[in-house]
Amino acid sequence: MNRRYVVVLAALVGMLLAYAAVLNIRQAPWIGSNARAVEQRGPLSDAERANIEIFEKVSPSVVQVVAAQSAANPLSEESEGGVASGTGFVWDNSGHVVTNNHVVQNANEVAIRFASGEVTRADIVGTAPNYDLAVLRIRSARGLPSPVAVGSSSDLKVGQFAFAIGNPFGLDQSMSSGIISALKRRLPTSSGREIANVIQTDSAINPGNSGGPLLDSAGRLIGVTTAILSPSGTNAGIGFAIPVDIVNRVIPDLIRNGRVPTPGIGIVSASEADAARLGTEGVIVVRTVPGSPAERVGIRGVDLASGKLGDIITAADGKQVRRLSDLTDQLERAGVGKTIELTLKRGSQSQNVNVDIVDIGRGQ
């Protein structure tokens, strides 16, 4: 082979190898290349726009509530122990904020953090342990966000959308969505009574959400988130909210008087377990409180000498009473100062009596 031909061939191979090397270098990931072109997306879906509108409308009115006992400073990021954190929302233009009672229970100092980041102190105006509700008043009420629009819980349906805005684990301005999973749940409170007609939702609710608003698809308040059912203490898809119809009845009393009346007739009832053991449906009257409306109309308790049952309340204003929460719900609907018609089962006979409703929270 001609020596000159070999040299030329070698030179051509070298040039090809060099060209391939340059291409590889240009395509290497560490070489700065132009940014990828942005793909233009289509319009947001109707559901997305609705979600965004709810959040932008309501979130400025949702606040973080930090409550501390006197030894701790609620405004300090370094406070240890004795500090509880939850959620609240602006109720009116006078600076009132609604939250859960258990968030501010036993607190001496309360701080409010707005969506803007502004922090201010607040005073506890009133608490209602029977409903796990509390009202705070912001000390500086100027330039407040708009109050959250109030809806109704009387016409809610299982399956309709529900939205929760709050501060789970201290992460502020967080929204979750889901549906109303069930209605007419019963929820025990720290006071020993039960809240009736509680809303169950699968919207994610975690520690820190307590006291925040549960909203419908129109952005209206339909409940106040209060508890979760979870072995782990985090969201398991079962959250509860106090229905807004109760909230709208209780909060004005707390603002005016610092407390809410506890409607009652002055009876001590047997537990549901005792009623079930006896195969009885209704509220078994164990005894009446001396001087109470129940005693005055002749309602009878258990005969302690013989152990014979006295009266069993089976209906209130025509509504069937299966358990104590059914009775207390009807008493609350009627209200203190009104009269309620009770159906009593006494032995094999039934009779109706009209009983005055009084505020048992103040005693007889």
Protein backbone atom coordinates (compact mmCIF):
# COMPACT_ATOMS: atom_id res chain seq x y z
CA MET A 1 0.00 0.00 0.00
CA ASN A 2 1.24 3.47 -0.86
CA ARG A 3 2.69 5.19 2.18
CA ARG A 4 1.09 8.47 1.19
CA TYR A 5 -2.33 6.79 0.98
CA VAL A 6 -1.94 5.39 4.51
CA VAL A 7 -1.12 8.81 5.92
CA VAL A 8 -4.17 10.38 4.26
CA LEU A 9 -6.45 7.60 5.52
CA ALA A 10 -5.11 7.99 9.06
CA ALA A 11 -5.71 11.73 8.90
CA LEU A 12 -9.31 11.20 7.80
CA VAL A 13 -9.98 8.74 10.66
CA GLY A 14 -8.49 11.21 13.13
CA MET A 15 -10.73 13.98 11.84
CA LEU A 16 -13.81 11.75 12.16
CA LEU A 17 -12.88 10.81 15.74
CA ALA A 18 -12.33 14.47 16.65
CA TYR A 19 -15.70 15.45 15.18
CA ALA A 20 -17.46 12.70 17.15
CA ALA A 21 -15.74 13.86 20.32
CA VAL A 22 -16.94 17.45 19.76
CA LEU A 23 -20.55 16.23 19.26
CA ASN A 24 -20.39 14.22 22.50
CA ILE A 25 -19.04 17.20 24.42
CA ARG A 26 -21.79 19.45 23.09
CA GLN A 27 -24.45 16.93 24.15
CA ALA A 28 -22.95 16.24 27.60
CA PRO A 29 -25.34 17.08 30.49
CA TRP A 30 -22.77 19.24 32.25
CA ILE A 31 -22.49 21.61 29.33
CA GLY A 32 -24.81 24.62 29.73
CA SER A 33 -27.61 24.36 27.20
CA ASN A 34 -30.62 26.50 26.56
CA ALA A 35 -33.66 26.00 28.85
CA ARG A 36 -36.38 23.76 27.57
CA ALA A 37 -39.24 25.48 25.86
CA VAL A 38 -42.25 26.00 28.13
CA GLU A 39 -45.31 24.12 27.05
CA GLN A 40 -48.38 26.34 27.17
CA ARG A 41 -51.17 24.77 29.21
CA GLY A 42 -54.83 25.07 28.49
CA PRO A 43 -57.29 26.87 30.77
CA LEU A 44 -57.82 25.70 34.34
CA SER A 45 -60.72 23.36 34.87
CA ASP A 46 -63.89 24.64 36.47
CA ALA A 47 -63.12 22.65 39.62
CA GLU A 48 -59.62 24.12 39.87
CA ARG A 49 -60.90 27.67 39.44
CA ALA A 50 -63.54 27.07 42.10
CA ASN A 51 -60.94 25.75 44.57
CA ILE A 52 -58.63 28.69 43.94
CA GLU A 53 -61.49 31.15 44.39
CA ILE A 54 -62.46 29.60 47.75
CA PHE A 55 -58.91 29.76 49.05
CA GLU A 56 -58.22 33.31 47.88
CA LYS A 57 -61.54 34.51 49.29
CA VAL A 58 -61.44 32.83 52.71
CA SER A 59 -57.78 32.26 53.63
CA PRO A 60 -57.04 35.90 54.61
CA SER A 61 -59.74 35.55 57.30
CA VAL A 62 -58.21 32.36 58.76
CA VAL A 63 -55.70 32.87 61.56
CA GLN A 64 -53.34 30.86 63.70
CA VAL A 65 -54.21 30.84 67.39
CA VAL A 66 -51.39 30.33 69.89
CA ALA A 67 -52.44 30.02 73.53
CA ALA A 68 -50.14 29.78 76.53
CA GLN A 69 -50.30 29.63 80.26
CA SER A 70 -48.77 32.57 82.09
CA ALA A 71 -45.35 30.92 82.33
CA ALA A 72 -45.01 30.74 78.56
CA ASN A 73 -44.91 33.47 75.95
CA PRO A 74 -47.29 32.79 73.02
CA LEU A 75 -45.38 35.26 70.83
CA SER A 76 -42.05 33.50 71.28
CA GLU A 77 -40.87 30.82 68.88
CA GLU A 78 -38.79 29.36 71.73
CA SER A 79 -41.52 28.87 74.33
CA GLU A 80 -41.51 25.45 75.94
CA GLY A 81 -44.48 23.60 77.37
CA GLY A 82 -47.87 25.03 78.17
CA VAL A 83 -48.38 26.28 74.60
CA ALA A 84 -51.23 25.13 72.35
CA SER A 85 -51.57 25.99 68.69
CA GLY A 86 -54.72 25.85 66.63
CA THR A 87 -56.75 27.73 64.06
CA GLY A 88 -59.45 30.38 64.19
CA PHE A 89 -61.31 32.65 61.82
CA VAL A 90 -62.65 36.19 61.79
CA TRP A 91 -66.30 36.18 62.87
CA ASP A 92 -67.29 39.85 62.57
CA ASN A 93 -66.02 43.36 61.98
CA SER A 94 -65.61 43.98 65.72
CA GLY A 95 -62.49 41.84 65.95
CA HIS A 96 -64.04 38.63 67.26
CA VAL A 97 -62.36 35.36 66.32
CA VAL A 98 -63.92 31.91 66.72
CA THR A 99 -61.86 28.87 67.65
CA ASN A 100 -62.18 25.67 69.71
CA ASN A 101 -62.45 25.78 73.49
CA HIS A 102 -59.78 23.09 73.82
CA VAL A 103 -57.28 25.32 71.97
CA VAL A 104 -57.48 28.13 74.57
CA GLN A 105 -58.55 26.13 77.62
CA ASN A 106 -56.65 27.25 80.76
CA ALA A 107 -54.71 29.84 78.72
CA ASN A 108 -53.69 33.17 80.23
CA GLU A 109 -52.18 34.65 77.07
CA VAL A 110 -53.38 34.31 73.49
CA ALA A 111 -51.73 35.48 70.28
CA ILE A 112 -53.18 35.68 66.79
CA ARG A 113 -51.11 35.36 63.62
CA PHE A 114 -52.76 36.62 60.43
CA ALA A 115 -52.16 35.33 56.93
CA SER A 116 -50.10 38.47 56.30
CA GLY A 117 -47.69 37.40 59.06
CA GLU A 118 -48.81 40.13 61.45
CA VAL A 119 -49.02 38.99 65.07
CA THR A 120 -51.21 40.55 67.74
CA ARG A 121 -52.57 39.64 71.14
CA ALA A 122 -56.17 38.69 71.84
CA ASP A 123 -58.40 38.32 74.88
CA ILE A 124 -60.72 35.41 75.64
CA VAL A 125 -64.28 36.75 75.55
CA GLY A 126 -66.11 33.54 76.38
CA THR A 127 -65.94 29.76 76.21
CA ALA A 128 -68.53 27.02 75.77
CA PRO A 129 -67.02 23.65 76.77
CA ASN A 130 -70.32 21.89 76.00
CA TYR A 131 -69.81 22.79 72.34
CA ASP A 132 -65.99 23.04 72.26
CA LEU A 133 -66.25 26.66 71.09
CA ALA A 134 -64.55 29.86 72.21
CA VAL A 135 -64.56 33.50 71.17
CA LEU A 136 -61.51 35.77 71.22
CA ARG A 137 -61.31 39.52 70.68
CA ILE A 138 -58.32 40.99 68.88
CA ARG A 139 -56.95 43.95 70.81
CA SER A 140 -56.22 45.92 67.66
CA ALA A 141 -59.23 45.47 65.40
CA ARG A 142 -58.27 47.91 62.65
CA GLY A 143 -57.79 46.71 59.09
CA LEU A 144 -59.24 43.26 59.72
CA PRO A 145 -59.91 40.80 56.90
CA SER A 146 -63.55 40.28 56.03
CA PRO A 147 -65.54 37.87 58.22
CA VAL A 148 -66.08 34.40 56.81
CA ALA A 149 -69.51 34.12 55.15
CA VAL A 150 -71.92 31.99 57.18
CA GLY A 151 -73.91 29.18 55.58
CA SER A 152 -76.29 26.58 56.98
CA SER A 153 -75.82 23.00 58.13
CA SER A 154 -79.51 22.07 58.10
CA ASP A 155 -79.56 21.20 54.39
CA LEU A 156 -76.19 19.48 54.03
CA LYS A 157 -76.02 16.23 52.08
CA VAL A 158 -73.58 13.36 52.35
CA GLY A 159 -71.34 13.46 49.29
CA GLN A 160 -71.18 17.22 48.76
CA PHE A 161 -67.77 18.88 48.67
CA ALA A 162 -66.16 20.21 51.85
CA PHE A 163 -63.01 22.31 52.29
CA ALA A 164 -60.91 22.89 55.40
CA ILE A 165 -58.44 25.75 55.82
CA GLY A 166 -56.12 25.82 58.80
CA ASN A 167 -52.66 25.40 60.26
CA PRO A 168 -51.88 21.67 60.47
CA PHE A 169 -48.71 21.05 62.47
CA GLY A 170 -48.18 24.83 62.51
CA LEU A 171 -48.03 25.06 58.70
CA ASP A 172 -50.21 28.10 58.08
CA GLN A 173 -52.67 28.68 55.25
CA SER A 174 -53.16 25.07 54.27
CA MET A 175 -56.30 23.95 52.42
CA SER A 176 -57.59 20.42 52.03
CA SER A 177 -60.66 19.18 50.22
CA GLY A 178 -62.96 16.21 50.40
CA ILE A 179 -66.60 15.44 50.92
CA ILE A 180 -69.09 15.31 53.74
CA SER A 181 -68.81 11.66 54.74
CA ALA A 182 -71.63 11.48 57.29
CA LEU A 183 -74.08 13.63 59.24
CA LYS A 184 -75.71 13.47 62.67
CA ARG A 185 -72.65 12.09 64.41
CA ARG A 186 -72.40 12.50 68.19
CA LEU A 187 -69.19 13.87 69.68
CA PRO A 188 -68.35 13.82 73.41
CA THR A 189 -66.84 16.99 74.87
CA SER A 190 -64.57 17.61 77.85
CA SER A 191 -67.62 18.80 79.84
CA GLY A 192 -69.20 15.35 79.73
CA ARG A 193 -72.01 16.29 77.33
CA GLU A 194 -72.32 15.35 73.68
CA ILE A 195 -72.62 17.59 70.64
CA ALA A 196 -75.40 16.37 68.37
CA ASN A 197 -75.60 16.50 64.57
CA VAL A 198 -71.82 16.70 64.15
CA ILE A 199 -70.47 16.70 60.58
CA GLN A 200 -68.02 13.98 59.52
CA THR A 201 -65.66 14.74 56.63
CA ASP A 202 -62.71 13.11 54.88
CA SER A 203 -61.08 16.50 54.21
CA ALA A 204 -57.61 16.20 55.72
CA ILE A 205 -57.73 17.47 59.31
CA ASN A 206 -54.64 17.22 61.50
CA PRO A 207 -53.45 18.63 64.84
CA GLY A 208 -53.37 22.40 64.41
CA ASN A 209 -56.55 22.48 62.30
CA SER A 210 -58.71 22.66 65.43
CA GLY A 211 -60.99 25.69 65.38
CA GLY A 212 -60.68 26.29 61.64
CA PRO A 213 -63.53 26.68 59.18
CA LEU A 214 -65.14 23.86 57.23
CA LEU A 215 -66.54 25.35 54.03
CA ASP A 216 -68.98 24.38 51.30
CA SER A 217 -68.30 24.83 47.59
CA ALA A 218 -69.62 28.40 47.80
CA GLY A 219 -66.95 29.28 50.39
CA ARG A 220 -69.53 29.56 53.19
CA LEU A 221 -68.93 28.37 56.74
CA ILE A 222 -70.74 25.08 57.40
CA GLY A 223 -68.80 23.93 60.46
CA VAL A 224 -65.86 24.40 62.82
CA THR A 225 -63.31 21.59 62.72
CA THR A 226 -62.83 20.13 66.16
CA ALA A 227 -61.48 16.57 66.23
CA ILE A 228 -60.14 13.61 64.30
CA LEU A 229 -60.54 9.89 64.81
CA SER A 230 -57.11 8.36 64.31
CA PRO A 231 -55.02 5.77 66.18
CA SER A 232 -51.85 7.53 64.98
CA GLY A 233 -52.99 11.07 65.85
CA THR A 234 -52.78 12.19 62.21
CA ASN A 235 -55.34 12.36 59.44
CA ALA A 236 -57.06 9.06 58.73
CA GLY A 237 -59.92 10.44 56.67
CA ILE A 238 -62.30 10.79 59.62
CA GLY A 239 -62.61 14.34 60.87
CA PHE A 240 -65.41 16.09 62.70
CA ALA A 241 -66.83 19.60 62.65
CA ILE A 242 -69.34 21.39 64.85
CA PRO A 243 -72.29 22.31 62.59
CA VAL A 244 -72.61 26.00 61.80
CA ASP A 245 -76.23 26.15 62.97
CA ILE A 246 -74.98 25.41 66.50
CA VAL A 247 -72.07 27.84 66.08
CA ASN A 248 -74.41 30.61 64.93
CA ARG A 249 -76.58 30.05 68.00
CA VAL A 250 -73.77 29.82 70.56
CA ILE A 251 -71.33 32.54 69.46
CA PRO A 252 -73.69 35.54 69.97
CA ASP A 253 -74.28 34.42 73.59
CA LEU A 254 -70.53 34.12 74.16
CA ILE A 255 -69.98 37.62 72.78
CA ARG A 256 -72.77 39.13 74.90
CA ASN A 257 -72.38 37.19 78.14
CA GLY A 258 -69.09 35.29 78.04
CA ARG A 259 -70.99 32.04 78.46
CA VAL A 260 -73.85 30.14 76.86
CA PRO A 261 -76.88 28.86 78.77
CA THR A 262 -77.13 25.12 79.35
CA PRO A 263 -80.76 24.17 78.75
CA GLY A 264 -82.12 21.50 81.07
CA ILE A 265 -85.08 20.35 83.11
CA GLY A 266 -83.28 19.11 86.23
CA ILE A 267 -82.92 15.34 85.91
CA VAL A 268 -80.13 12.84 86.45
CA SER A 269 -80.32 10.09 83.85
CA ALA A 270 -78.96 6.57 83.64
CA SER A 271 -76.15 5.84 81.22
CA GLU A 272 -76.77 4.44 77.76
CA ALA A 273 -75.02 1.24 78.85
CA ASP A 274 -77.53 0.80 81.68
CA ALA A 275 -80.44 1.46 79.32
CA ALA A 276 -79.09 -1.09 76.83
CA ARG A 277 -78.57 -3.66 79.60
CA LEU A 278 -82.20 -3.22 80.64
CA GLY A 279 -83.38 -3.39 77.04
CA THR A 280 -84.91 0.08 77.33
CA GLU A 281 -85.03 2.70 74.58
CA GLY A 282 -85.23 6.25 75.90
CA VAL A 283 -83.79 8.30 78.77
CA ILE A 284 -84.17 6.57 82.14
CA VAL A 285 -84.73 9.14 84.91
CA VAL A 286 -82.67 8.14 87.95
CA ARG A 287 -83.73 11.14 90.04
CA THR A 288 -84.92 14.72 89.76
CA VAL A 289 -83.09 17.72 91.16
CA PRO A 290 -84.94 19.24 94.17
CA GLY A 291 -86.86 22.34 93.12
CA SER A 292 -86.31 21.68 89.42
CA PRO A 293 -88.97 21.92 86.70
CA ALA A 294 -88.88 18.12 86.39
CA GLU A 295 -89.70 17.70 90.08
CA ARG A 296 -92.45 20.33 89.93
CA VAL A 297 -94.36 18.49 87.17
CA GLY A 298 -94.05 15.16 88.98
CA ILE A 299 -91.45 13.32 86.91
CA ARG A 300 -90.39 10.25 88.88
CA GLY A 301 -86.97 8.72 89.30
CA VAL A 302 -85.92 5.20 90.26
CA ASP A 303 -87.41 3.88 93.51
CA LEU A 304 -84.21 3.27 95.44
CA ALA A 305 -85.94 1.08 98.00
CA SER A 306 -87.35 -1.39 95.49
CA GLY A 307 -85.12 -0.65 92.49
CA LYS A 308 -88.22 -0.18 90.38
CA LEU A 309 -87.83 2.06 87.35
CA GLY A 310 -89.61 5.38 87.37
CA ASP A 311 -90.18 7.45 84.23
CA ILE A 312 -88.53 6.90 80.87
CA ILE A 313 -88.52 9.87 78.48
CA THR A 314 -89.33 8.54 75.00
CA ALA A 315 -90.15 11.73 73.07
CA ALA A 316 -89.67 15.50 73.23
CA ASP A 317 -91.94 17.82 71.27
CA GLY A 318 -93.03 14.84 69.23
CA LYS A 319 -89.47 13.82 68.31
CA GLN A 320 -88.39 10.33 69.35
CA VAL A 321 -85.82 10.21 72.15
CA ARG A 322 -83.56 7.17 72.11
CA ARG A 323 -80.68 8.53 74.16
CA LEU A 324 -79.70 11.56 76.25
CA SER A 325 -78.19 13.45 73.29
CA ASP A 326 -81.58 13.30 71.54
CA LEU A 327 -83.18 14.98 74.55
CA THR A 328 -80.48 17.63 75.00
CA ASP A 329 -80.66 18.43 71.27
CA GLN A 330 -84.39 19.14 71.54
CA LEU A 331 -83.87 21.20 74.71
CA GLU A 332 -81.26 23.30 72.92
CA ARG A 333 -83.52 23.79 69.92
CA ALA A 334 -86.33 25.03 72.16
CA GLY A 335 -84.05 27.16 74.35
CA VAL A 336 -83.99 28.42 77.92
CA GLY A 337 -87.26 30.06 79.04
CA LYS A 338 -89.42 27.93 76.76
CA THR A 339 -91.61 24.92 77.55
CA ILE A 340 -91.15 21.46 76.06
CA GLU A 341 -93.62 18.60 75.87
CA LEU A 342 -92.18 15.29 77.06
CA THR A 343 -93.65 11.85 76.53
CA LEU A 344 -93.07 9.64 79.58
CA LYS A 345 -93.34 5.88 79.81
CA ARG A 346 -94.36 4.92 83.33
CA GLY A 347 -94.72 1.19 83.66
CA SER A 348 -97.04 0.13 80.83
CA GLN A 349 -98.63 3.57 80.49
CA SER A 350 -97.58 6.67 78.57
CA GLN A 351 -98.37 10.27 79.38
CA ASN A 352 -97.36 13.75 78.22
CA VAL A 353 -96.17 16.56 80.47
CA ASN A 354 -95.11 20.14 79.73
CA VAL A 355 -91.85 21.10 81.41
CA ASP A 356 -90.13 24.48 81.65
CA ILE A 357 -86.56 24.67 80.32
CA VAL A 358 -84.07 26.45 82.61
CA ASP A 359 -80.38 27.26 82.54
CA ILE A 360 -78.93 24.44 84.64
CA GLY A 361 -75.47 25.97 84.23
CA ARG A 362 -76.49 28.56 86.82
CA GLY A 363 -78.05 26.02 89.16
CA GLN A 364 -81.65 25.71 90.23
